Amino acid sequence: MAHGVPIKSAEELEMSRRAGRLAAEVLAMVEPYVVPGVSTETLDRICHDHIVNVQGAIPANVGYQGYPKTVLTSVNQVVCHGIPSADKILKKGDIVNIDVAVIKDGWFGDTSRMYFVGAPSVLARRLVETTYEAMLAGIRQVKPGATLGDVGHAIQSVAHREQFSVVREYCGHGIGQIYHDEPQVLHYGQRGGGLRLEPGMVFTIEPMLNAGKRETRQLPDGWTVVTKDRSLSAQWEHMVAVTSEGYEVLTPWPGGTGAYAPV
């Protein structure tokens, strides 16, 4: 442990790497099904069946703090934690984040990405692509001796350059044999501030950017979080390990994802 943050051995990193790759594989697998006319409930079932029947893994979200589904599906103005539903039918122009977590041999893998449903608006495309760029900017700050403030500052700098706002109520997190562990990874901050990074730390970087103001509200279902001003929101998430020389992305998307190739 370093400052309350677990330091993983080479063997433990391999377990995290394996779980992360499985989670990433789910996002690649489901991509062809993210089309106009599909329900988010159907996408959830496809992901569940793949995790259980193909991967031999456990869907980490099912039952977690009472959550009822396998993935989280956040469409358009939904910032995060959208619950899949038979009533939520995707339509042309939608943007959707699918967030998946799996457990393999007691280790958690957690990742999310954005999908376009048909052709997006100019604003939607710019938001999604900027959020991805912001995540990469944060990841590229990761190295021994850097700080979490460096990560957050890089993310918010990209967001603010495009006049987008950074959601502050939700953050990245440590992950391993515990789903949400230390440290908390804020997506804003000051250079040189916060926890100093050491090899063996593993955490998620998962910025949420809004096209409008950063304020959010939670719906009465107790899970779904939306932008207060109903503006579009986007999120991307990778698991990252601090290595002796820099970083390793533990959730690389197999084959890349179009313009969004693995880091």
C-alpha atoms as a PDB file:
ATOM      1  CA  MET A   1       0.000   0.000   0.000  1.00  0.00           C
ATOM      2  CA  ALA A   2       1.109   3.571  -0.723  1.00  0.00           C
ATOM      3  CA  HIS A   3      -0.939   6.342   0.887  1.00  0.00           C
ATOM      4  CA  GLY A   4      -3.808   3.859   1.210  1.00  0.00           C
ATOM      5  CA  VAL A   5      -3.583   2.838  -2.448  1.00  0.00           C
ATOM      6  CA  PRO A   6      -2.860  -0.835  -3.232  1.00  0.00           C
ATOM      7  CA  ILE A   7       0.383  -1.573  -5.087  1.00  0.00           C
ATOM      8  CA  LYS A   8      -0.032  -4.633  -7.294  1.00  0.00           C
ATOM      9  CA  SER A   9       2.627  -7.250  -7.916  1.00  0.00           C
ATOM     10  CA  ALA A  10       3.449  -8.515 -11.402  1.00  0.00           C
ATOM     11  CA  GLU A  11       1.168 -11.514 -10.806  1.00  0.00           C
ATOM     12  CA  GLU A  12      -1.662  -9.293  -9.599  1.00  0.00           C
ATOM     13  CA  LEU A  13      -1.222  -6.960 -12.556  1.00  0.00           C
ATOM     14  CA  GLU A  14      -1.634  -9.933 -14.862  1.00  0.00           C
ATOM     15  CA  MET A  15      -4.963 -10.758 -13.203  1.00  0.00           C
ATOM     16  CA  SER A  16      -6.099  -7.142 -13.636  1.00  0.00           C
ATOM     17  CA  ARG A  17      -4.908  -7.216 -17.237  1.00  0.00           C
ATOM     18  CA  ARG A  18      -6.892 -10.381 -17.953  1.00  0.00           C
ATOM     19  CA  ALA A  19     -10.101  -8.996 -16.439  1.00  0.00           C
ATOM     20  CA  GLY A  20      -9.633  -5.686 -18.233  1.00  0.00           C
ATOM     21  CA  ARG A  21      -9.228  -7.336 -21.603  1.00  0.00           C
ATOM     22  CA  LEU A  22     -12.421  -9.319 -21.091  1.00  0.00           C
ATOM     23  CA  ALA A  23     -14.361  -6.144 -20.297  1.00  0.00           C
ATOM     24  CA  ALA A  24     -12.947  -4.464 -23.406  1.00  0.00           C
ATOM     25  CA  GLU A  25     -13.876  -7.478 -25.507  1.00  0.00           C
ATOM     26  CA  VAL A  26     -17.535  -7.034 -24.502  1.00  0.00           C
ATOM     27  CA  LEU A  27     -17.553  -3.474 -25.861  1.00  0.00           C
ATOM     28  CA  ALA A  28     -16.085  -4.634 -29.169  1.00  0.00           C
ATOM     29  CA  MET A  29     -18.513  -7.550 -29.393  1.00  0.00           C
ATOM     30  CA  VAL A  30     -21.647  -5.455 -28.873  1.00  0.00           C
ATOM     31  CA  GLU A  31     -20.733  -2.700 -31.357  1.00  0.00           C
ATOM     32  CA  PRO A  32     -22.562  -4.208 -34.396  1.00  0.00           C
ATOM     33  CA  TYR A  33     -25.770  -4.359 -32.378  1.00  0.00           C
ATOM     34  CA  VAL A  34     -25.805  -0.644 -31.503  1.00  0.00           C
ATOM     35  CA  VAL A  35     -28.150   0.420 -34.304  1.00  0.00           C
ATOM     36  CA  PRO A  36     -31.387   2.384 -34.701  1.00  0.00           C
ATOM     37  CA  GLY A  37     -34.385   0.422 -33.432  1.00  0.00           C
ATOM     38  CA  VAL A  38     -32.600  -1.677 -30.821  1.00  0.00           C
ATOM     39  CA  SER A  39     -33.582  -1.399 -27.172  1.00  0.00           C
ATOM     40  CA  THR A  40     -31.007  -0.874 -24.478  1.00  0.00           C
ATOM     41  CA  GLU A  41     -32.519  -3.940 -22.774  1.00  0.00           C
ATOM     42  CA  THR A  42     -31.534  -6.036 -25.799  1.00  0.00           C
ATOM     43  CA  LEU A  43     -27.980  -4.696 -25.675  1.00  0.00           C
ATOM     44  CA  ASP A  44     -27.837  -5.567 -21.995  1.00  0.00           C
ATOM     45  CA  ARG A  45     -28.953  -9.147 -22.654  1.00  0.00           C
ATOM     46  CA  ILE A  46     -26.387  -9.582 -25.440  1.00  0.00           C
ATOM     47  CA  CYS A  47     -23.609  -8.401 -23.117  1.00  0.00           C
ATOM     48  CA  HIS A  48     -24.813 -10.581 -20.251  1.00  0.00           C
ATOM     49  CA  ASP A  49     -24.926 -13.713 -22.371  1.00  0.00           C
ATOM     50  CA  HIS A  50     -21.443 -13.072 -23.766  1.00  0.00           C
ATOM     51  CA  ILE A  51     -19.902 -12.501 -20.336  1.00  0.00           C
ATOM     52  CA  VAL A  52     -21.484 -15.601 -18.824  1.00  0.00           C
ATOM     53  CA  ASN A  53     -21.560 -18.080 -21.714  1.00  0.00           C
ATOM     54  CA  VAL A  54     -18.523 -17.090 -23.794  1.00  0.00           C
ATOM     55  CA  GLN A  55     -16.114 -15.592 -21.284  1.00  0.00           C
ATOM     56  CA  GLY A  56     -17.053 -17.682 -18.268  1.00  0.00           C
ATOM     57  CA  ALA A  57     -16.937 -14.490 -16.221  1.00  0.00           C
ATOM     58  CA  ILE A  58     -19.332 -12.773 -13.829  1.00  0.00           C
ATOM     59  CA  PRO A  59     -21.222  -9.554 -14.711  1.00  0.00           C
ATOM     60  CA  ALA A  60     -19.941  -7.305 -11.929  1.00  0.00           C
ATOM     61  CA  ASN A  61     -22.785  -4.802 -12.024  1.00  0.00           C
ATOM     62  CA  VAL A  62     -25.658  -7.241 -11.437  1.00  0.00           C
ATOM     63  CA  GLY A  63     -26.777  -6.699  -7.857  1.00  0.00           C
ATOM     64  CA  TYR A  64     -23.998  -4.197  -7.111  1.00  0.00           C
ATOM     65  CA  GLN A  65     -25.547  -1.839  -4.547  1.00  0.00           C
ATOM     66  CA  GLY A  66     -28.889  -3.066  -5.893  1.00  0.00           C
ATOM     67  CA  TYR A  67     -28.212  -2.312  -9.564  1.00  0.00           C
ATOM     68  CA  PRO A  68     -30.439  -4.615 -11.672  1.00  0.00           C
ATOM     69  CA  LYS A  69     -28.589  -4.956 -14.997  1.00  0.00           C
ATOM     70  CA  THR A  70     -25.307  -6.063 -16.602  1.00  0.00           C
ATOM     71  CA  VAL A  71     -24.284  -2.813 -18.317  1.00  0.00           C
ATOM     72  CA  LEU A  72     -25.087   0.860 -17.931  1.00  0.00           C
ATOM     73  CA  THR A  73     -26.481   2.541 -21.046  1.00  0.00           C
ATOM     74  CA  SER A  74     -26.352   6.345 -20.992  1.00  0.00           C
ATOM     75  CA  VAL A  75     -28.037   7.998 -23.988  1.00  0.00           C
ATOM     76  CA  ASN A  76     -27.711  11.644 -25.083  1.00  0.00           C
ATOM     77  CA  GLN A  77     -28.283  13.829 -22.000  1.00  0.00           C
ATOM     78  CA  VAL A  78     -27.715  10.925 -19.603  1.00  0.00           C
ATOM     79  CA  VAL A  79     -24.340  11.501 -17.957  1.00  0.00           C
ATOM     80  CA  CYS A  80     -23.941   8.049 -16.393  1.00  0.00           C
ATOM     81  CA  HIS A  81     -25.676   5.084 -14.754  1.00  0.00           C
ATOM     82  CA  GLY A  82     -28.500   4.781 -17.271  1.00  0.00           C
ATOM     83  CA  ILE A  83     -30.485   1.578 -16.673  1.00  0.00           C
ATOM     84  CA  PRO A  84     -31.190  -0.578 -19.769  1.00  0.00           C
ATOM     85  CA  SER A  85     -34.884  -0.799 -20.577  1.00  0.00           C
ATOM     86  CA  ALA A  86     -37.148  -2.444 -23.143  1.00  0.00           C
ATOM     87  CA  ASP A  87     -38.793   0.965 -23.519  1.00  0.00           C
ATOM     88  CA  LYS A  88     -35.600   2.805 -24.433  1.00  0.00           C
ATOM     89  CA  ILE A  89     -35.235   2.386 -28.198  1.00  0.00           C
ATOM     90  CA  LEU A  90     -32.175   3.892 -29.846  1.00  0.00           C
ATOM     91  CA  LYS A  91     -32.801   6.185 -32.800  1.00  0.00           C
ATOM     92  CA  LYS A  92     -30.675   7.735 -35.534  1.00  0.00           C
ATOM     93  CA  GLY A  93     -28.496  10.516 -34.225  1.00  0.00           C
ATOM     94  CA  ASP A  94     -28.319   9.232 -30.654  1.00  0.00           C
ATOM     95  CA  ILE A  95     -25.042   8.911 -28.815  1.00  0.00           C
ATOM     96  CA  VAL A  96     -24.767   6.229 -26.142  1.00  0.00           C
ATOM     97  CA  ASN A  97     -22.202   5.185 -23.592  1.00  0.00           C
ATOM     98  CA  ILE A  98     -22.065   1.504 -22.657  1.00  0.00           C
ATOM     99  CA  ASP A  99     -20.238   0.818 -19.392  1.00  0.00           C
ATOM    100  CA  VAL A 100     -19.347  -2.780 -18.560  1.00  0.00           C
ATOM    101  CA  ALA A 101     -17.583  -4.472 -15.668  1.00  0.00           C
ATOM    102  CA  VAL A 102     -16.715  -8.147 -15.299  1.00  0.00           C
ATOM    103  CA  ILE A 103     -15.216 -10.323 -12.589  1.00  0.00           C
ATOM    104  CA  LYS A 104     -12.766 -13.063 -13.573  1.00  0.00           C
ATOM    105  CA  ASP A 105     -11.209 -15.212 -10.855  1.00  0.00           C
ATOM    106  CA  GLY A 106     -11.983 -12.526  -8.283  1.00  0.00           C
ATOM    107  CA  TRP A 107     -10.519  -9.611 -10.281  1.00  0.00           C
ATOM    108  CA  PHE A 108     -12.520  -6.728 -11.747  1.00  0.00           C
ATOM    109  CA  GLY A 109     -12.302  -5.301 -15.271  1.00  0.00           C
ATOM    110  CA  ASP A 110     -14.142  -2.039 -15.978  1.00  0.00           C
ATOM    111  CA  THR A 111     -14.362   0.060 -19.148  1.00  0.00           C
ATOM    112  CA  SER A 112     -16.799   2.124 -21.200  1.00  0.00           C
ATOM    113  CA  ARG A 113     -16.996   3.759 -24.598  1.00  0.00           C
ATOM    114  CA  MET A 114     -19.266   5.892 -26.738  1.00  0.00           C
ATOM    115  CA  TYR A 115     -21.191   4.718 -29.804  1.00  0.00           C
ATOM    116  CA  PHE A 116     -22.873   6.686 -32.568  1.00  0.00           C
ATOM    117  CA  VAL A 117     -26.329   5.435 -33.563  1.00  0.00           C
ATOM    118  CA  GLY A 118     -26.351   6.359 -37.218  1.00  0.00           C
ATOM    119  CA  ALA A 119     -24.903   9.756 -38.132  1.00  0.00           C
ATOM    120  CA  PRO A 120     -24.508  12.110 -35.152  1.00  0.00           C
ATOM    121  CA  SER A 121     -24.949  15.871 -35.179  1.00  0.00           C
ATOM    122  CA  VAL A 122     -21.852  18.035 -35.573  1.00  0.00           C
ATOM    123  CA  LEU A 123     -22.024  18.959 -31.881  1.00  0.00           C
ATOM    124  CA  ALA A 124     -22.481  15.343 -30.757  1.00  0.00           C
ATOM    125  CA  ARG A 125     -19.495  14.172 -32.789  1.00  0.00           C
ATOM    126  CA  ARG A 126     -17.313  16.998 -31.471  1.00  0.00           C
ATOM    127  CA  LEU A 127     -18.338  16.237 -27.877  1.00  0.00           C
ATOM    128  CA  VAL A 128     -17.659  12.511 -28.205  1.00  0.00           C
ATOM    129  CA  GLU A 129     -14.318  13.017 -29.930  1.00  0.00           C
ATOM    130  CA  THR A 130     -13.229  15.706 -27.471  1.00  0.00           C
ATOM    131  CA  THR A 131     -14.117  13.495 -24.508  1.00  0.00           C
ATOM    132  CA  TYR A 132     -11.988  10.718 -25.989  1.00  0.00           C
ATOM    133  CA  GLU A 133      -9.128  13.143 -26.550  1.00  0.00           C
ATOM    134  CA  ALA A 134      -9.475  14.352 -22.961  1.00  0.00           C
ATOM    135  CA  MET A 135      -9.286  10.798 -21.615  1.00  0.00           C
ATOM    136  CA  LEU A 136      -6.138  10.159 -23.659  1.00  0.00           C
ATOM    137  CA  ALA A 137      -4.616  13.415 -22.443  1.00  0.00           C
ATOM    138  CA  GLY A 138      -5.184  12.275 -18.875  1.00  0.00           C
ATOM    139  CA  ILE A 139      -3.801   8.787 -19.516  1.00  0.00           C
ATOM    140  CA  ARG A 140      -0.661  10.197 -21.083  1.00  0.00           C
ATOM    141  CA  GLN A 141       0.153  12.029 -17.852  1.00  0.00           C
ATOM    142  CA  VAL A 142       0.433   8.726 -15.974  1.00  0.00           C
ATOM    143  CA  LYS A 143       3.982   7.840 -14.915  1.00  0.00           C
ATOM    144  CA  PRO A 144       5.908   7.409 -11.680  1.00  0.00           C
ATOM    145  CA  GLY A 145       6.298  10.743  -9.914  1.00  0.00           C
ATOM    146  CA  ALA A 146       3.399  12.401 -11.714  1.00  0.00           C
ATOM    147  CA  THR A 147       0.297  13.296  -9.727  1.00  0.00           C
ATOM    148  CA  LEU A 148      -3.423  12.779 -10.092  1.00  0.00           C
ATOM    149  CA  GLY A 149      -3.653  16.564 -10.344  1.00  0.00           C
ATOM    150  CA  ASP A 150      -1.612  16.321 -13.550  1.00  0.00           C
ATOM    151  CA  VAL A 151      -4.179  13.842 -14.901  1.00  0.00           C
ATOM    152  CA  GLY A 152      -7.173  15.995 -13.994  1.00  0.00           C
ATOM    153  CA  HIS A 153      -5.584  19.186 -15.303  1.00  0.00           C
ATOM    154  CA  ALA A 154      -4.854  17.591 -18.683  1.00  0.00           C
ATOM    155  CA  ILE A 155      -8.450  16.412 -18.990  1.00  0.00           C
ATOM    156  CA  GLN A 156     -10.065  19.713 -18.077  1.00  0.00           C
ATOM    157  CA  SER A 157      -7.675  21.620 -20.354  1.00  0.00           C
ATOM    158  CA  VAL A 158      -8.908  19.683 -23.380  1.00  0.00           C
ATOM    159  CA  ALA A 159     -12.552  20.068 -22.322  1.00  0.00           C
ATOM    160  CA  HIS A 160     -12.327  23.803 -21.691  1.00  0.00           C
ATOM    161  CA  ARG A 161     -10.503  24.380 -24.970  1.00  0.00           C
ATOM    162  CA  GLU A 162     -13.697  23.265 -26.720  1.00  0.00           C
ATOM    163  CA  GLN A 163     -15.991  25.117 -24.270  1.00  0.00           C
ATOM    164  CA  PHE A 164     -17.238  21.855 -22.770  1.00  0.00           C
ATOM    165  CA  SER A 165     -17.692  21.352 -19.030  1.00  0.00           C
ATOM    166  CA  VAL A 166     -16.320  18.569 -16.818  1.00  0.00           C
ATOM    167  CA  VAL A 167     -18.704  16.711 -14.508  1.00  0.00           C
ATOM    168  CA  ARG A 168     -17.326  16.855 -10.958  1.00  0.00           C
ATOM    169  CA  GLU A 169     -19.667  14.611  -8.959  1.00  0.00           C
ATOM    170  CA  TYR A 170     -18.295  11.358 -10.415  1.00  0.00           C
ATOM    171  CA  CYS A 171     -14.715  10.242 -10.793  1.00  0.00           C
ATOM    172  CA  GLY A 172     -12.374   7.402 -11.648  1.00  0.00           C
ATOM    173  CA  HIS A 173     -11.351   4.896  -9.018  1.00  0.00           C
ATOM    174  CA  GLY A 174      -8.844   2.301  -7.971  1.00  0.00           C
ATOM    175  CA  ILE A 175      -9.743  -1.229  -9.038  1.00  0.00           C
ATOM    176  CA  GLY A 176      -8.473  -4.767  -8.542  1.00  0.00           C
ATOM    177  CA  GLN A 177     -10.081  -7.311  -6.237  1.00  0.00           C
ATOM    178  CA  ILE A 178     -12.293  -4.435  -5.091  1.00  0.00           C
ATOM    179  CA  TYR A 179     -14.568  -2.782  -7.670  1.00  0.00           C
ATOM    180  CA  HIS A 180     -14.271   0.785  -6.370  1.00  0.00           C
ATOM    181  CA  ASP A 181     -11.081   1.250  -4.380  1.00  0.00           C
ATOM    182  CA  GLU A 182      -8.638   4.049  -3.644  1.00  0.00           C
ATOM    183  CA  PRO A 183      -7.589   6.377  -5.174  1.00  0.00           C
ATOM    184  CA  GLN A 184     -10.353   8.637  -6.373  1.00  0.00           C
ATOM    185  CA  VAL A 185      -9.353  10.027  -9.759  1.00  0.00           C
ATOM    186  CA  LEU A 186     -10.803  13.484 -10.366  1.00  0.00           C
ATOM    187  CA  HIS A 187     -11.127  14.699 -13.941  1.00  0.00           C
ATOM    188  CA  TYR A 188     -10.098  18.242 -13.063  1.00  0.00           C
ATOM    189  CA  GLY A 189      -7.283  19.599 -10.945  1.00  0.00           C
ATOM    190  CA  GLN A 190      -4.024  21.459 -10.682  1.00  0.00           C
ATOM    191  CA  ARG A 191      -0.640  20.312 -11.924  1.00  0.00           C
ATOM    192  CA  GLY A 192       1.425  18.848  -9.111  1.00  0.00           C
ATOM    193  CA  GLY A 193      -1.583  18.389  -6.812  1.00  0.00           C
ATOM    194  CA  GLY A 194      -2.959  15.240  -5.298  1.00  0.00           C
ATOM    195  CA  LEU A 195      -1.566  11.717  -4.984  1.00  0.00           C
ATOM    196  CA  ARG A 196       1.900  11.036  -6.392  1.00  0.00           C
ATOM    197  CA  LEU A 197       1.836   7.998  -8.659  1.00  0.00           C
ATOM    198  CA  GLU A 198       3.913   4.861  -8.088  1.00  0.00           C
ATOM    199  CA  PRO A 199       4.413   1.711 -10.194  1.00  0.00           C
ATOM    200  CA  GLY A 200       1.775  -0.933  -9.461  1.00  0.00           C
ATOM    201  CA  MET A 201      -1.126   1.448  -8.910  1.00  0.00           C
ATOM    202  CA  VAL A 202      -4.194   0.607 -11.013  1.00  0.00           C
ATOM    203  CA  PHE A 203      -7.175   2.897 -11.511  1.00  0.00           C
ATOM    204  CA  THR A 204      -9.763   4.033 -14.038  1.00  0.00           C
ATOM    205  CA  ILE A 205      -9.742   7.320 -15.921  1.00  0.00           C
ATOM    206  CA  GLU A 206     -13.307   8.017 -17.081  1.00  0.00           C
ATOM    207  CA  PRO A 207     -14.099  11.671 -17.792  1.00  0.00           C
ATOM    208  CA  MET A 208     -17.654  12.842 -18.377  1.00  0.00           C
ATOM    209  CA  LEU A 209     -17.968  16.011 -20.456  1.00  0.00           C
ATOM    210  CA  ASN A 210     -21.138  18.007 -21.035  1.00  0.00           C
ATOM    211  CA  ALA A 211     -21.910  20.181 -24.039  1.00  0.00           C
ATOM    212  CA  GLY A 212     -23.591  22.641 -21.669  1.00  0.00           C
ATOM    213  CA  LYS A 213     -23.106  23.323 -17.968  1.00  0.00           C
ATOM    214  CA  ARG A 214     -21.485  20.772 -15.649  1.00  0.00           C
ATOM    215  CA  GLU A 215     -24.379  20.474 -13.174  1.00  0.00           C
ATOM    216  CA  THR A 216     -26.225  17.156 -12.998  1.00  0.00           C
ATOM    217  CA  ARG A 217     -29.239  15.660 -11.283  1.00  0.00           C
ATOM    218  CA  GLN A 218     -30.248  12.116 -10.409  1.00  0.00           C
ATOM    219  CA  LEU A 219     -33.610  10.771 -11.587  1.00  0.00           C
ATOM    220  CA  PRO A 220     -36.103   9.176  -9.178  1.00  0.00           C
ATOM    221  CA  ASP A 221     -34.930   5.652 -10.148  1.00  0.00           C
ATOM    222  CA  GLY A 222     -31.940   6.308  -7.887  1.00  0.00           C
ATOM    223  CA  TRP A 223     -29.394   5.592 -10.617  1.00  0.00           C
ATOM    224  CA  THR A 224     -29.781   7.588 -13.820  1.00  0.00           C
ATOM    225  CA  VAL A 225     -27.853  10.870 -13.807  1.00  0.00           C
ATOM    226  CA  VAL A 226     -28.697  13.540 -16.394  1.00  0.00           C
ATOM    227  CA  THR A 227     -27.446  17.015 -17.238  1.00  0.00           C
ATOM    228  CA  LYS A 228     -29.516  19.652 -15.456  1.00  0.00           C
ATOM    229  CA  ASP A 229     -29.743  21.736 -18.611  1.00  0.00           C
ATOM    230  CA  ARG A 230     -30.552  18.676 -20.789  1.00  0.00           C
ATOM    231  CA  SER A 231     -27.394  19.176 -22.850  1.00  0.00           C
ATOM    232  CA  LEU A 232     -25.563  16.213 -24.368  1.00  0.00           C
ATOM    233  CA  SER A 233     -23.016  14.316 -22.292  1.00  0.00           C
ATOM    234  CA  ALA A 234     -20.264  11.858 -23.226  1.00  0.00           C
ATOM    235  CA  GLN A 235     -17.915   9.548 -21.343  1.00  0.00           C
ATOM    236  CA  TRP A 236     -15.028   7.181 -22.074  1.00  0.00           C
ATOM    237  CA  GLU A 237     -13.253   4.916 -19.598  1.00  0.00           C
ATOM    238  CA  HIS A 238     -10.047   2.923 -19.490  1.00  0.00           C
ATOM    239  CA  MET A 239      -8.302   0.991 -16.725  1.00  0.00           C
ATOM    240  CA  VAL A 240      -4.705   2.128 -16.419  1.00  0.00           C
ATOM    241  CA  ALA A 241      -1.682   0.714 -14.573  1.00  0.00           C
ATOM    242  CA  VAL A 242       1.294   2.806 -13.552  1.00  0.00           C
ATOM    243  CA  THR A 243       4.440   1.078 -14.850  1.00  0.00           C
ATOM    244  CA  SER A 244       8.114   1.736 -14.142  1.00  0.00           C
ATOM    245  CA  GLU A 245       8.341   3.825 -17.313  1.00  0.00           C
ATOM    246  CA  GLY A 246       4.856   5.249 -17.716  1.00  0.00           C
ATOM    247  CA  TYR A 247       1.472   3.587 -18.124  1.00  0.00           C
ATOM    248  CA  GLU A 248      -0.261   0.526 -19.518  1.00  0.00           C
ATOM    249  CA  VAL A 249      -3.881   0.564 -20.661  1.00  0.00           C
ATOM    250  CA  LEU A 250      -5.426  -2.637 -19.280  1.00  0.00           C
ATOM    251  CA  THR A 251      -8.640  -2.363 -21.317  1.00  0.00           C
ATOM    252  CA  PRO A 252      -7.480  -2.014 -24.947  1.00  0.00           C
ATOM    253  CA  TRP A 253     -10.381  -2.453 -27.351  1.00  0.00           C
ATOM    254  CA  PRO A 254      -9.700  -5.455 -29.604  1.00  0.00           C
ATOM    255  CA  GLY A 255      -8.932  -4.362 -33.151  1.00  0.00           C
ATOM    256  CA  GLY A 256      -9.451  -0.732 -32.254  1.00  0.00           C
ATOM    257  CA  THR A 257     -12.775   1.043 -32.691  1.00  0.00           C
ATOM    258  CA  GLY A 258     -12.636   2.997 -35.904  1.00  0.00           C
ATOM    259  CA  ALA A 259     -11.021   6.329 -35.146  1.00  0.00           C
ATOM    260  CA  TYR A 260     -10.707   5.201 -31.531  1.00  0.00           C
ATOM    261  CA  ALA A 261      -7.779   2.818 -31.810  1.00  0.00           C
ATOM    262  CA  PRO A 262      -6.137   1.364 -28.701  1.00  0.00           C
ATOM    263  CA  VAL A 263      -3.755   3.709 -26.902  1.00  0.00           C
END
